[in-house]
Amino acid sequence: MIVLSFGLMSNSGCERNEAQTDSGIKKVTAEIKTGSDGLTVEQRQIKKRIKRDNEPGSIKHLYIISAYSGQVLIYSTVQGKVTSSGKRLTPRSVNGNGYDNTGASNFVNFGGNAYTTNEMIEEDGTYGSSIEYIYWFDQRDVYHQHYISGGQILHISDQPLEVKDVILNMEIAESNKKK
């Protein structure tokens, strides 16, 4: 009863003002209709991308393009998907000294002890952020790592693109070695 009264007292006398700009323009909320599957277009696309990235045997095509000339600098196949260097299987930080707490959310286990973390696991089962460098395994299981720097456009597709020519074609380089 005391907690309930305290909660009510803390909100009494407080008016909630909707967010607005200095010129008086107020926040607008859009009504979004879902499809017959109950998903928005955005939710459906995210679900479809994650599903495609995790299909066994999935091959993607990576193109690194010059922003200045439009020329394809690098082409490579990719098994499954390209991964950013900041992605991890475990969170970067945990809280506390570790204790046994099974069944709770936002806990990770190390050495039989459960720790809380402020990081949320992503839909693909990983923690962390995207880009600094990217890495991937091509269809021949060759590991590649690439740092994106100024003037590069990264394009990934699940179907090959028709391009005029490629400066560094990682698929041809490997096949030439076998001759």
C-alpha atoms as a PDB file:
ATOM      1  CA  MET A   1       0.000   0.000   0.000  1.00  0.00           C
ATOM      2  CA  ILE A   2       2.830   2.394   0.834  1.00  0.00           C
ATOM      3  CA  VAL A   3       4.608   1.714  -2.465  1.00  0.00           C
ATOM      4  CA  LEU A   4       1.407   2.271  -4.423  1.00  0.00           C
ATOM      5  CA  SER A   5       0.726   5.568  -2.626  1.00  0.00           C
ATOM      6  CA  PHE A   6       4.310   6.723  -3.217  1.00  0.00           C
ATOM      7  CA  GLY A   7       3.976   5.870  -6.912  1.00  0.00           C
ATOM      8  CA  LEU A   8       0.787   7.883  -7.201  1.00  0.00           C
ATOM      9  CA  MET A   9       2.255  10.841  -5.303  1.00  0.00           C
ATOM     10  CA  SER A  10       5.307  10.993  -7.533  1.00  0.00           C
ATOM     11  CA  ASN A  11       3.117  11.435 -10.633  1.00  0.00           C
ATOM     12  CA  SER A  12       0.641  13.888  -9.108  1.00  0.00           C
ATOM     13  CA  GLY A  13       1.013  17.455 -10.254  1.00  0.00           C
ATOM     14  CA  CYS A  14       3.195  16.450 -13.210  1.00  0.00           C
ATOM     15  CA  GLU A  15       1.848  17.301 -16.626  1.00  0.00           C
ATOM     16  CA  ARG A  16       3.160  15.404 -19.586  1.00  0.00           C
ATOM     17  CA  ASN A  17       3.916  17.617 -22.534  1.00  0.00           C
ATOM     18  CA  GLU A  18       4.269  16.070 -25.934  1.00  0.00           C
ATOM     19  CA  ALA A  19       7.642  16.582 -27.603  1.00  0.00           C
ATOM     20  CA  GLN A  20       7.747  19.614 -29.876  1.00  0.00           C
ATOM     21  CA  THR A  21      10.241  21.907 -31.561  1.00  0.00           C
ATOM     22  CA  ASP A  22      10.960  25.475 -30.432  1.00  0.00           C
ATOM     23  CA  SER A  23       8.661  26.687 -33.205  1.00  0.00           C
ATOM     24  CA  GLY A  24       5.783  24.619 -31.800  1.00  0.00           C
ATOM     25  CA  ILE A  25       5.740  21.698 -34.234  1.00  0.00           C
ATOM     26  CA  LYS A  26       4.566  18.592 -32.401  1.00  0.00           C
ATOM     27  CA  LYS A  27       5.570  14.974 -32.833  1.00  0.00           C
ATOM     28  CA  VAL A  28       3.438  13.029 -35.308  1.00  0.00           C
ATOM     29  CA  THR A  29       2.611   9.345 -35.033  1.00  0.00           C
ATOM     30  CA  ALA A  30       1.833   7.302 -38.135  1.00  0.00           C
ATOM     31  CA  GLU A  31      -0.686   4.488 -38.179  1.00  0.00           C
ATOM     32  CA  ILE A  32       0.962   1.462 -39.733  1.00  0.00           C
ATOM     33  CA  LYS A  33      -1.073  -1.442 -41.031  1.00  0.00           C
ATOM     34  CA  THR A  34       0.372  -4.914 -40.918  1.00  0.00           C
ATOM     35  CA  GLY A  35       0.062  -7.594 -43.556  1.00  0.00           C
ATOM     36  CA  SER A  36      -1.919 -10.797 -43.234  1.00  0.00           C
ATOM     37  CA  ASP A  37       1.103 -12.287 -41.436  1.00  0.00           C
ATOM     38  CA  GLY A  38       0.853  -9.602 -38.706  1.00  0.00           C
ATOM     39  CA  LEU A  39       4.165  -7.994 -39.725  1.00  0.00           C
ATOM     40  CA  THR A  40       5.019  -4.559 -41.061  1.00  0.00           C
ATOM     41  CA  VAL A  41       6.994  -4.345 -44.319  1.00  0.00           C
ATOM     42  CA  GLU A  42      10.137  -3.495 -42.297  1.00  0.00           C
ATOM     43  CA  GLN A  43       9.678  -6.480 -39.959  1.00  0.00           C
ATOM     44  CA  ARG A  44       9.068  -8.790 -42.917  1.00  0.00           C
ATOM     45  CA  GLN A  45      12.222  -7.609 -44.715  1.00  0.00           C
ATOM     46  CA  ILE A  46      14.394  -8.036 -41.599  1.00  0.00           C
ATOM     47  CA  LYS A  47      12.991 -11.530 -41.030  1.00  0.00           C
ATOM     48  CA  LYS A  48      13.579 -12.445 -44.693  1.00  0.00           C
ATOM     49  CA  ARG A  49      17.186 -11.128 -44.628  1.00  0.00           C
ATOM     50  CA  ILE A  50      18.055 -13.074 -41.467  1.00  0.00           C
ATOM     51  CA  LYS A  51      16.475 -16.219 -42.919  1.00  0.00           C
ATOM     52  CA  ARG A  52      18.413 -15.882 -46.206  1.00  0.00           C
ATOM     53  CA  ASP A  53      21.682 -15.168 -44.404  1.00  0.00           C
ATOM     54  CA  ASN A  54      21.293 -18.419 -42.475  1.00  0.00           C
ATOM     55  CA  GLU A  55      20.179 -20.769 -45.267  1.00  0.00           C
ATOM     56  CA  PRO A  56      22.662 -23.655 -45.526  1.00  0.00           C
ATOM     57  CA  GLY A  57      24.724 -23.325 -48.704  1.00  0.00           C
ATOM     58  CA  SER A  58      23.713 -19.681 -49.266  1.00  0.00           C
ATOM     59  CA  ILE A  59      26.145 -17.796 -51.526  1.00  0.00           C
ATOM     60  CA  LYS A  60      26.284 -13.984 -51.791  1.00  0.00           C
ATOM     61  CA  HIS A  61      28.287 -11.792 -54.148  1.00  0.00           C
ATOM     62  CA  LEU A  62      30.423  -8.984 -52.723  1.00  0.00           C
ATOM     63  CA  TYR A  63      31.387  -5.963 -54.819  1.00  0.00           C
ATOM     64  CA  ILE A  64      33.597  -3.150 -53.583  1.00  0.00           C
ATOM     65  CA  ILE A  65      33.091  -0.224 -55.932  1.00  0.00           C
ATOM     66  CA  SER A  66      35.020   3.026 -56.335  1.00  0.00           C
ATOM     67  CA  ALA A  67      32.814   5.987 -55.429  1.00  0.00           C
ATOM     68  CA  TYR A  68      34.903   8.083 -57.816  1.00  0.00           C
ATOM     69  CA  SER A  69      34.939   5.978 -60.999  1.00  0.00           C
ATOM     70  CA  GLY A  70      32.144   3.445 -60.443  1.00  0.00           C
ATOM     71  CA  GLN A  71      34.612   0.687 -61.267  1.00  0.00           C
ATOM     72  CA  VAL A  72      34.434  -2.582 -59.343  1.00  0.00           C
ATOM     73  CA  LEU A  73      37.638  -2.768 -57.318  1.00  0.00           C
ATOM     74  CA  ILE A  74      37.057  -6.183 -55.727  1.00  0.00           C
ATOM     75  CA  TYR A  75      34.642  -9.034 -56.422  1.00  0.00           C
ATOM     76  CA  SER A  76      34.236 -12.148 -54.299  1.00  0.00           C
ATOM     77  CA  THR A  77      31.669 -14.787 -53.515  1.00  0.00           C
ATOM     78  CA  VAL A  78      30.596 -15.030 -49.865  1.00  0.00           C
ATOM     79  CA  GLN A  79      29.402 -18.061 -47.918  1.00  0.00           C
ATOM     80  CA  GLY A  80      26.260 -16.994 -46.076  1.00  0.00           C
ATOM     81  CA  LYS A  81      27.063 -13.368 -45.279  1.00  0.00           C
ATOM     82  CA  VAL A  82      29.720 -10.744 -44.690  1.00  0.00           C
ATOM     83  CA  THR A  83      30.465 -10.123 -40.998  1.00  0.00           C
ATOM     84  CA  SER A  84      31.644  -6.911 -39.322  1.00  0.00           C
ATOM     85  CA  SER A  85      34.693  -7.030 -37.057  1.00  0.00           C
ATOM     86  CA  GLY A  86      32.730  -5.726 -34.066  1.00  0.00           C
ATOM     87  CA  LYS A  87      30.311  -8.676 -34.008  1.00  0.00           C
ATOM     88  CA  ARG A  88      30.838 -11.150 -31.158  1.00  0.00           C
ATOM     89  CA  LEU A  89      29.353 -14.320 -29.691  1.00  0.00           C
ATOM     90  CA  THR A  90      29.627 -12.895 -26.165  1.00  0.00           C
ATOM     91  CA  PRO A  91      29.017  -9.411 -24.756  1.00  0.00           C
ATOM     92  CA  ARG A  92      32.006  -7.097 -24.274  1.00  0.00           C
ATOM     93  CA  SER A  93      31.119  -6.460 -20.629  1.00  0.00           C
ATOM     94  CA  VAL A  94      29.224  -8.066 -17.764  1.00  0.00           C
ATOM     95  CA  ASN A  95      28.083  -6.770 -14.383  1.00  0.00           C
ATOM     96  CA  GLY A  96      28.701  -8.220 -10.924  1.00  0.00           C
ATOM     97  CA  ASN A  97      30.770 -11.110  -9.634  1.00  0.00           C
ATOM     98  CA  GLY A  98      28.706 -13.904 -11.109  1.00  0.00           C
ATOM     99  CA  TYR A  99      25.988 -15.920  -9.462  1.00  0.00           C
ATOM    100  CA  ASP A 100      23.697 -18.762 -10.340  1.00  0.00           C
ATOM    101  CA  ASN A 101      20.441 -17.474 -11.810  1.00  0.00           C
ATOM    102  CA  THR A 102      18.953 -19.740 -14.430  1.00  0.00           C
ATOM    103  CA  GLY A 103      16.021 -18.792 -16.600  1.00  0.00           C
ATOM    104  CA  ALA A 104      16.455 -15.004 -16.343  1.00  0.00           C
ATOM    105  CA  SER A 105      16.835 -12.821 -19.427  1.00  0.00           C
ATOM    106  CA  ASN A 106      19.932 -10.716 -20.168  1.00  0.00           C
ATOM    107  CA  PHE A 107      22.197 -13.187 -18.404  1.00  0.00           C
ATOM    108  CA  VAL A 108      25.275 -14.854 -19.863  1.00  0.00           C
ATOM    109  CA  ASN A 109      27.143 -17.828 -18.422  1.00  0.00           C
ATOM    110  CA  PHE A 110      30.908 -18.002 -18.002  1.00  0.00           C
ATOM    111  CA  GLY A 111      32.501 -20.873 -16.106  1.00  0.00           C
ATOM    112  CA  GLY A 112      29.190 -22.015 -14.676  1.00  0.00           C
ATOM    113  CA  ASN A 113      28.372 -18.573 -13.264  1.00  0.00           C
ATOM    114  CA  ALA A 114      25.629 -16.293 -14.588  1.00  0.00           C
ATOM    115  CA  TYR A 115      26.397 -12.608 -15.117  1.00  0.00           C
ATOM    116  CA  THR A 116      24.100  -9.789 -16.155  1.00  0.00           C
ATOM    117  CA  THR A 117      24.941  -7.650 -19.161  1.00  0.00           C
ATOM    118  CA  ASN A 118      23.606  -4.351 -20.446  1.00  0.00           C
ATOM    119  CA  GLU A 119      24.091  -5.553 -24.015  1.00  0.00           C
ATOM    120  CA  MET A 120      21.199  -7.097 -25.888  1.00  0.00           C
ATOM    121  CA  ILE A 121      21.661 -10.125 -28.104  1.00  0.00           C
ATOM    122  CA  GLU A 122      20.764  -9.396 -31.733  1.00  0.00           C
ATOM    123  CA  GLU A 123      18.273 -11.352 -33.864  1.00  0.00           C
ATOM    124  CA  ASP A 124      21.139 -13.309 -35.407  1.00  0.00           C
ATOM    125  CA  GLY A 125      22.420 -14.466 -32.002  1.00  0.00           C
ATOM    126  CA  THR A 126      25.376 -12.066 -31.802  1.00  0.00           C
ATOM    127  CA  TYR A 127      26.413  -9.056 -29.760  1.00  0.00           C
ATOM    128  CA  GLY A 128      28.314  -5.996 -30.909  1.00  0.00           C
ATOM    129  CA  SER A 129      28.352  -3.360 -33.588  1.00  0.00           C
ATOM    130  CA  SER A 130      28.949  -3.223 -37.315  1.00  0.00           C
ATOM    131  CA  ILE A 131      31.884  -2.137 -39.481  1.00  0.00           C
ATOM    132  CA  GLU A 132      35.487  -1.232 -38.830  1.00  0.00           C
ATOM    133  CA  TYR A 133      36.476  -3.980 -41.146  1.00  0.00           C
ATOM    134  CA  ILE A 134      34.500  -6.799 -42.715  1.00  0.00           C
ATOM    135  CA  TYR A 135      35.398 -10.427 -43.166  1.00  0.00           C
ATOM    136  CA  TRP A 136      33.947 -13.393 -45.016  1.00  0.00           C
ATOM    137  CA  PHE A 137      34.651 -16.854 -46.342  1.00  0.00           C
ATOM    138  CA  ASP A 138      34.235 -17.321 -50.092  1.00  0.00           C
ATOM    139  CA  GLN A 139      32.650 -20.341 -51.778  1.00  0.00           C
ATOM    140  CA  ARG A 140      36.041 -22.127 -51.693  1.00  0.00           C
ATOM    141  CA  ASP A 141      36.221 -21.520 -47.900  1.00  0.00           C
ATOM    142  CA  VAL A 142      39.039 -18.965 -48.312  1.00  0.00           C
ATOM    143  CA  TYR A 143      39.063 -16.322 -45.549  1.00  0.00           C
ATOM    144  CA  HIS A 144      39.038 -12.634 -46.608  1.00  0.00           C
ATOM    145  CA  GLN A 145      39.285  -9.469 -44.492  1.00  0.00           C
ATOM    146  CA  HIS A 146      38.809  -5.941 -45.836  1.00  0.00           C
ATOM    147  CA  TYR A 147      39.029  -2.495 -44.257  1.00  0.00           C
ATOM    148  CA  ILE A 148      36.578  -0.038 -45.807  1.00  0.00           C
ATOM    149  CA  SER A 149      38.255   3.319 -46.397  1.00  0.00           C
ATOM    150  CA  GLY A 150      37.330   6.544 -48.175  1.00  0.00           C
ATOM    151  CA  GLY A 151      35.824   6.282 -51.613  1.00  0.00           C
ATOM    152  CA  GLN A 152      34.586   2.695 -51.370  1.00  0.00           C
ATOM    153  CA  ILE A 153      31.002   1.555 -51.796  1.00  0.00           C
ATOM    154  CA  LEU A 154      30.157  -1.897 -50.484  1.00  0.00           C
ATOM    155  CA  HIS A 155      27.459  -3.840 -52.340  1.00  0.00           C
ATOM    156  CA  ILE A 156      26.299  -7.354 -51.454  1.00  0.00           C
ATOM    157  CA  SER A 157      23.728  -9.297 -53.454  1.00  0.00           C
ATOM    158  CA  ASP A 158      22.358 -12.826 -53.462  1.00  0.00           C
ATOM    159  CA  GLN A 159      22.554 -12.750 -57.274  1.00  0.00           C
ATOM    160  CA  PRO A 160      25.643 -11.839 -59.343  1.00  0.00           C
ATOM    161  CA  LEU A 161      25.640  -8.434 -61.031  1.00  0.00           C
ATOM    162  CA  GLU A 162      26.668  -7.852 -64.606  1.00  0.00           C
ATOM    163  CA  VAL A 163      29.715  -5.589 -64.404  1.00  0.00           C
ATOM    164  CA  LYS A 164      32.027  -4.370 -67.169  1.00  0.00           C
ATOM    165  CA  ASP A 165      35.257  -5.446 -65.494  1.00  0.00           C
ATOM    166  CA  VAL A 166      36.790  -6.066 -62.078  1.00  0.00           C
ATOM    167  CA  ILE A 167      40.228  -4.918 -60.938  1.00  0.00           C
ATOM    168  CA  LEU A 168      40.694  -7.712 -58.350  1.00  0.00           C
ATOM    169  CA  ASN A 169      38.518 -10.761 -58.988  1.00  0.00           C
ATOM    170  CA  MET A 170      39.221 -13.144 -56.128  1.00  0.00           C
ATOM    171  CA  GLU A 171      37.402 -15.968 -57.913  1.00  0.00           C
ATOM    172  CA  ILE A 172      39.645 -15.864 -60.993  1.00  0.00           C
ATOM    173  CA  ALA A 173      42.864 -15.506 -58.971  1.00  0.00           C
ATOM    174  CA  GLU A 174      42.233 -18.809 -57.189  1.00  0.00           C
ATOM    175  CA  SER A 175      41.267 -20.690 -60.371  1.00  0.00           C
ATOM    176  CA  ASN A 176      44.451 -19.466 -62.146  1.00  0.00           C
ATOM    177  CA  LYS A 177      46.623 -20.991 -59.376  1.00  0.00           C
ATOM    178  CA  LYS A 178      45.282 -24.467 -60.149  1.00  0.00           C
ATOM    179  CA  LYS A 179      46.439 -24.352 -63.796  1.00  0.00           C
END
